[in-house]
Amino acid sequence: MEIILYISALLAAIGFLVLCISVGMTLFGLKNTLNSIAGTIAGIEGQMEGITRETTSLLAKTNTLAEDITEKSEKLNTVVDAVKNIGVSVNGLNTSINQITTSISSEVRKNEEKIAQVVQWGNVAMEIADKWKQRKTIDQTDVDGATEEIVKKSSKFKRRT
C-alpha cells in the first residue's frame, strides 16, 4: 500500500510539473502579447502627443479667429448703427420735403390768380420784346438802305467834280 502512496505522490508531482510547464508556456505566450500591447500603446502614446500638439495649435487658431470675429462684429455694429442713423436722417428729410411740398402747394392754391396774372404779364412782356427786336431789325434794314443810297449819291457827286 505504500507503493500506491508513492505512485500517487509521483503522479501528483508529474501533474504538478505539467501544470507548471503549461502555466509557464501560457505566461511566456502572454509575455509576447503584452510586449506587443506595450508597443502598440507606445505608438498610440506618440500619436496622442501629436494629436495633443495639433489640438493645442487648432485651439490657439480658433481663439485667434474668435477674437478677430468679435472685433469685426463690433466694427460691423458701428456700420449698422451708422446705416440706421442714415435711415433716420432720410426719413426726417422726407418728412421735411413733404411738409415743404404741402406748404408750396397750399400757397400756390392760395395765389393761383396772382400767378396767372404774372404769367399773363410775362407773356405780354415777351411779346413786346419780340416786337421790339423785329422793329430794331426793320430800323437797321432802313438805316442800311439809306446808308447805301447816301454812298451812291456821294460817289456820283464826286465823279461830277
Protein backbone atom coordinates (compact mmCIF):
# COMPACT_ATOMS: atom_id res chain seq x y z
CA MET A 1 0.00 0.00 0.00
CA GLU A 2 2.88 2.19 0.42
CA ILE A 3 3.67 1.87 -3.22
CA ILE A 4 0.29 3.23 -4.16
CA LEU A 5 1.06 6.15 -1.97
CA TYR A 6 4.38 6.71 -3.73
CA ILE A 7 2.83 6.25 -7.16
CA SER A 8 0.06 8.66 -6.33
CA ALA A 9 2.61 11.17 -5.00
CA LEU A 10 4.64 10.67 -8.20
CA LEU A 11 1.52 11.18 -10.31
CA ALA A 12 0.65 14.28 -8.31
CA ALA A 13 4.20 15.57 -8.81
CA ILE A 14 4.03 14.84 -12.58
CA GLY A 15 0.63 16.55 -12.74
CA PHE A 16 2.01 19.50 -10.85
CA LEU A 17 5.02 19.57 -13.26
CA VAL A 18 2.70 19.52 -16.30
CA LEU A 19 0.63 22.24 -14.69
CA CYS A 20 3.72 24.36 -14.06
CA ILE A 21 5.00 23.81 -17.63
CA SER A 22 1.63 24.76 -19.13
CA VAL A 23 1.37 27.81 -16.85
CA GLY A 24 4.92 28.76 -17.89
CA MET A 25 4.11 28.37 -21.59
CA THR A 26 0.93 30.38 -21.13
CA LEU A 27 2.81 33.09 -19.30
CA PHE A 28 5.54 33.07 -21.98
CA GLY A 29 2.87 33.48 -24.71
CA LEU A 30 1.22 36.14 -22.61
CA LYS A 31 4.59 37.92 -22.36
CA ASN A 32 4.77 38.23 -26.18
CA THR A 33 1.18 39.51 -26.28
CA LEU A 34 1.89 42.01 -23.51
CA ASN A 35 5.06 43.18 -25.32
CA SER A 36 3.00 43.69 -28.49
CA ILE A 37 0.37 45.59 -26.50
CA ALA A 38 3.10 47.71 -24.88
CA GLY A 39 4.48 48.58 -28.36
CA THR A 40 1.01 49.46 -29.58
CA ILE A 41 0.39 51.61 -26.51
CA ALA A 42 3.75 53.36 -27.04
CA GLY A 43 2.72 54.10 -30.65
CA ILE A 44 -0.66 55.34 -29.50
CA GLU A 45 1.06 57.47 -26.88
CA GLY A 46 3.22 59.09 -29.59
CA GLN A 47 0.17 59.66 -31.74
CA MET A 48 -1.68 61.14 -28.79
CA GLU A 49 1.20 63.58 -28.24
CA GLY A 50 0.91 64.61 -31.91
CA ILE A 51 -2.85 64.93 -31.58
CA THR A 52 -2.40 66.98 -28.42
CA ARG A 53 0.01 69.35 -30.21
CA GLU A 54 -2.35 69.65 -33.17
CA THR A 55 -5.32 70.23 -30.86
CA THR A 56 -3.41 72.91 -28.95
CA SER A 57 -2.46 74.61 -32.23
CA LEU A 58 -6.05 74.41 -33.51
CA LEU A 59 -7.35 75.77 -30.21
CA ALA A 60 -4.96 78.73 -30.43
CA LYS A 61 -6.04 79.41 -34.03
CA THR A 62 -9.69 79.09 -33.01
CA ASN A 63 -9.20 81.59 -30.21
CA THR A 64 -7.47 84.00 -32.63
CA LEU A 65 -10.32 83.61 -35.12
CA ALA A 66 -12.91 84.11 -32.38
CA GLU A 67 -11.18 87.33 -31.29
CA ASP A 68 -10.98 88.50 -34.92
CA ILE A 69 -14.66 87.73 -35.49
CA THR A 70 -15.58 89.56 -32.28
CA GLU A 71 -13.54 92.60 -33.34
CA LYS A 72 -15.03 92.63 -36.83
CA SER A 73 -18.52 92.16 -35.40
CA GLU A 74 -18.02 95.22 -33.19
CA LYS A 75 -16.83 97.23 -36.21
CA LEU A 76 -19.80 95.98 -38.20
CA ASN A 77 -22.10 97.09 -35.39
CA THR A 78 -20.84 100.66 -35.82
CA VAL A 79 -21.53 100.41 -39.56
CA VAL A 80 -25.03 99.09 -38.88
CA ASP A 81 -25.63 101.93 -36.41
CA ALA A 82 -24.40 104.45 -39.00
CA VAL A 83 -26.72 103.00 -41.66
CA LYS A 84 -29.57 103.09 -39.16
CA ASN A 85 -28.83 106.75 -38.43
CA ILE A 86 -28.73 107.46 -42.18
CA GLY A 87 -32.17 105.84 -42.46
CA VAL A 88 -33.48 108.04 -39.66
CA SER A 89 -31.97 111.12 -41.35
CA VAL A 90 -33.51 110.18 -44.72
CA ASN A 91 -36.90 109.73 -43.05
CA GLY A 92 -36.54 113.16 -41.45
CA LEU A 93 -35.54 114.64 -44.81
CA ASN A 94 -38.55 113.02 -46.49
CA THR A 95 -40.82 114.43 -43.80
CA SER A 96 -39.34 117.91 -44.31
CA ILE A 97 -39.68 117.67 -48.10
CA ASN A 98 -43.29 116.53 -47.74
CA GLN A 99 -44.03 119.48 -45.45
CA ILE A 100 -42.36 121.92 -47.87
CA THR A 101 -44.25 120.41 -50.83
CA THR A 102 -47.53 120.67 -48.93
CA SER A 103 -46.76 124.26 -47.96
CA ILE A 104 -45.86 125.21 -51.55
CA SER A 105 -48.99 123.51 -52.90
CA SER A 106 -51.22 125.34 -50.45
CA GLU A 107 -49.53 128.68 -51.24
CA VAL A 108 -49.91 128.03 -54.98
CA ARG A 109 -53.60 127.31 -54.47
CA LYS A 110 -53.97 130.49 -52.44
CA ASN A 111 -52.16 132.59 -55.06
CA GLU A 112 -53.41 130.92 -58.26
CA GLU A 113 -54.96 134.13 -59.54
CA LYS A 114 -51.83 136.17 -58.89
CA ILE A 115 -49.66 133.52 -60.57
CA ALA A 116 -51.96 133.53 -63.60
CA GLN A 117 -51.63 137.33 -63.80
CA VAL A 118 -47.84 137.10 -63.53
CA VAL A 119 -47.80 134.52 -66.34
CA GLN A 120 -50.01 136.76 -68.48
CA TRP A 121 -47.80 139.79 -67.83
CA GLY A 122 -44.77 137.65 -68.63
CA ASN A 123 -46.32 136.66 -71.96
CA VAL A 124 -47.14 140.31 -72.70
CA ALA A 125 -43.56 141.31 -71.86
CA MET A 126 -42.18 138.59 -74.15
CA GLU A 127 -44.44 139.73 -77.00
CA ILE A 128 -43.31 143.34 -76.52
CA ALA A 129 -39.67 142.21 -76.51
CA ASP A 130 -40.21 140.22 -79.73
CA LYS A 131 -41.88 143.21 -81.42
CA TRP A 132 -39.08 145.47 -80.23
CA LYS A 133 -36.50 143.13 -81.78
CA GLN A 134 -38.47 142.99 -85.03
CA ARG A 135 -38.66 146.77 -85.07
CA LYS A 136 -34.93 147.08 -84.48
CA THR A 137 -34.16 144.75 -87.39
CA ILE A 138 -36.55 146.71 -89.58
CA ASP A 139 -34.99 150.00 -88.47
CA GLN A 140 -31.49 148.59 -89.06
CA THR A 141 -32.53 147.49 -92.56
CA ASP A 142 -33.86 151.01 -93.24
CA VAL A 143 -30.63 152.53 -91.93
CA ASP A 144 -28.54 150.18 -94.07
CA GLY A 145 -30.62 151.02 -97.16
CA ALA A 146 -30.40 154.77 -96.50
CA THR A 147 -26.66 154.48 -95.98
CA GLU A 148 -26.25 152.75 -99.33
CA GLU A 149 -28.23 155.49 -101.08
CA ILE A 150 -26.11 158.20 -99.49
CA VAL A 151 -22.95 156.40 -100.54
CA LYS A 152 -24.22 156.07 -104.12
CA LYS A 153 -25.19 159.72 -104.29
CA SER A 154 -21.91 160.85 -102.84
CA SER A 155 -19.96 158.75 -105.33
CA LYS A 156 -21.97 160.29 -108.18
CA PHE A 157 -21.27 163.70 -106.78
CA LYS A 158 -17.55 163.02 -106.60
CA ARG A 159 -17.49 161.83 -110.21
CA ARG A 160 -19.01 165.07 -111.42
CA THR A 161 -16.43 167.20 -109.79
